[in-house]
Amino acid sequence: MYDLRHTCVTNRLDAGVPPATAAEWTGNGVPVLLATYARCIDGQLDDLKQRIEGAGELPGPAATGV
């Protein structure tokens, strides 16, 4: 049973589910989840940087309808 749970959490983190959400869904605390599955989120830095940069961009006048 634990192997199935471990696989599910790993797949969720690999898919980009935020650690706090994955922890809630599995009944773990975030510190426990990060201590156990930290390597699953290790390779997501480039994607996170792109999201942060994209969030900082404001839409132009054409996009807002002004």
Foldseek 3Di string as FASTA:
>chain_A
DVVVLVVVLLVCLLVPNDLCVSCVVSVHHSVVSCVVRVVSNVPCVVVVVVVVVVVPDDDDCVVVVD
